[in-house]
Amino acid sequence: MRRQKRDMNDRAFDRGYQAGVAGRSSDFCPHANDDQRQNWISGWREGRSDQWDGMTGVSGVHKMRTI
């Protein structure tokens, strides 16, 4: 669990994915650091794509990692 907290880039991607699946706008990215922002946006794009493909709820659980 501590490893996930230390690796901020993976954590940013996961949080972005969750935001994308939830349907939130990419304007709500909380990161100012360019690397973390890029990872958050990449996760957000993948999450939005999965949402559009219908992978929400139980069908999308296998794609998410626990934080």
C-alpha atoms as a PDB file:
ATOM      1  CA  MET A   1       0.000   0.000   0.000  1.00  0.00           C
ATOM      2  CA  ARG A   2       2.824   2.410   0.712  1.00  0.00           C
ATOM      3  CA  ARG A   3       4.282   1.838  -2.746  1.00  0.00           C
ATOM      4  CA  GLN A   4       1.088   3.159  -4.344  1.00  0.00           C
ATOM      5  CA  LYS A   5       1.231   6.296  -2.250  1.00  0.00           C
ATOM      6  CA  ARG A   6       4.836   6.929  -3.242  1.00  0.00           C
ATOM      7  CA  ASP A   7       4.313   6.447  -6.983  1.00  0.00           C
ATOM      8  CA  MET A   8       2.355   9.583  -7.726  1.00  0.00           C
ATOM      9  CA  ASN A   9       2.278   9.014 -11.507  1.00  0.00           C
ATOM     10  CA  ASP A  10       0.440   5.690 -11.215  1.00  0.00           C
ATOM     11  CA  ARG A  11      -1.855   7.185  -8.631  1.00  0.00           C
ATOM     12  CA  ALA A  12      -2.615  10.141 -10.920  1.00  0.00           C
ATOM     13  CA  PHE A  13      -3.479   7.742 -13.759  1.00  0.00           C
ATOM     14  CA  ASP A  14      -5.798   5.734 -11.507  1.00  0.00           C
ATOM     15  CA  ARG A  15      -7.555   8.847 -10.216  1.00  0.00           C
ATOM     16  CA  GLY A  16      -7.944  10.141 -13.758  1.00  0.00           C
ATOM     17  CA  TYR A  17      -9.419   6.816 -14.846  1.00  0.00           C
ATOM     18  CA  GLN A  18     -11.943   6.967 -12.031  1.00  0.00           C
ATOM     19  CA  ALA A  19     -12.874  10.533 -12.994  1.00  0.00           C
ATOM     20  CA  GLY A  20     -13.300   9.517 -16.633  1.00  0.00           C
ATOM     21  CA  VAL A  21     -15.537   6.561 -15.821  1.00  0.00           C
ATOM     22  CA  ALA A  22     -17.592   8.823 -13.552  1.00  0.00           C
ATOM     23  CA  GLY A  23     -18.132  11.200 -16.495  1.00  0.00           C
ATOM     24  CA  ARG A  24     -16.360  14.212 -15.022  1.00  0.00           C
ATOM     25  CA  SER A  25     -14.731  16.827 -17.224  1.00  0.00           C
ATOM     26  CA  SER A  26     -10.982  16.856 -17.862  1.00  0.00           C
ATOM     27  CA  ASP A  27     -10.979  20.472 -16.662  1.00  0.00           C
ATOM     28  CA  PHE A  28     -11.085  19.189 -13.079  1.00  0.00           C
ATOM     29  CA  CYS A  29      -7.543  17.769 -13.181  1.00  0.00           C
ATOM     30  CA  PRO A  30      -6.064  18.537  -9.747  1.00  0.00           C
ATOM     31  CA  HIS A  31      -2.380  18.333 -10.781  1.00  0.00           C
ATOM     32  CA  ALA A  32      -0.084  21.229 -11.660  1.00  0.00           C
ATOM     33  CA  ASN A  33       2.998  19.039 -12.251  1.00  0.00           C
ATOM     34  CA  ASP A  34       3.266  18.277 -15.988  1.00  0.00           C
ATOM     35  CA  ASP A  35       4.086  14.558 -15.589  1.00  0.00           C
ATOM     36  CA  GLN A  36       1.278  13.910 -13.147  1.00  0.00           C
ATOM     37  CA  ARG A  37      -1.146  15.978 -15.222  1.00  0.00           C
ATOM     38  CA  GLN A  38      -0.266  13.979 -18.348  1.00  0.00           C
ATOM     39  CA  ASN A  39      -0.826  10.693 -16.501  1.00  0.00           C
ATOM     40  CA  TRP A  40      -4.133  11.941 -15.088  1.00  0.00           C
ATOM     41  CA  ILE A  41      -5.319  12.997 -18.571  1.00  0.00           C
ATOM     42  CA  SER A  42      -4.246   9.624 -20.031  1.00  0.00           C
ATOM     43  CA  GLY A  43      -6.213   7.814 -17.339  1.00  0.00           C
ATOM     44  CA  TRP A  44      -9.167  10.122 -17.891  1.00  0.00           C
ATOM     45  CA  ARG A  45      -9.176   9.374 -21.640  1.00  0.00           C
ATOM     46  CA  GLU A  46      -9.076   5.631 -21.027  1.00  0.00           C
ATOM     47  CA  GLY A  47     -11.859   5.954 -18.451  1.00  0.00           C
ATOM     48  CA  ARG A  48     -14.045   7.961 -20.829  1.00  0.00           C
ATOM     49  CA  SER A  49     -13.436   5.404 -23.576  1.00  0.00           C
ATOM     50  CA  ASP A  50     -14.466   2.596 -21.240  1.00  0.00           C
ATOM     51  CA  GLN A  51     -17.553   4.557 -20.196  1.00  0.00           C
ATOM     52  CA  TRP A  52     -18.554   5.033 -23.827  1.00  0.00           C
ATOM     53  CA  ASP A  53     -18.023   1.303 -24.443  1.00  0.00           C
ATOM     54  CA  GLY A  54     -20.409   0.526 -21.594  1.00  0.00           C
ATOM     55  CA  MET A  55     -17.816  -0.722 -19.122  1.00  0.00           C
ATOM     56  CA  THR A  56     -19.341   0.934 -16.086  1.00  0.00           C
ATOM     57  CA  GLY A  57     -20.564  -0.628 -12.887  1.00  0.00           C
ATOM     58  CA  VAL A  58     -19.938  -4.340 -12.502  1.00  0.00           C
ATOM     59  CA  SER A  59     -18.699  -4.816 -16.073  1.00  0.00           C
ATOM     60  CA  GLY A  60     -15.862  -2.327 -15.556  1.00  0.00           C
ATOM     61  CA  VAL A  61     -14.688  -3.428 -12.125  1.00  0.00           C
ATOM     62  CA  HIS A  62     -11.962  -5.691 -13.506  1.00  0.00           C
ATOM     63  CA  LYS A  63     -10.228  -2.676 -15.125  1.00  0.00           C
ATOM     64  CA  MET A  64      -9.846  -0.718 -11.896  1.00  0.00           C
ATOM     65  CA  ARG A  65      -7.078  -1.175  -9.382  1.00  0.00           C
ATOM     66  CA  THR A  66      -7.697  -0.543  -5.724  1.00  0.00           C
ATOM     67  CA  ILE A  67      -6.217   2.616  -4.303  1.00  0.00           C
END
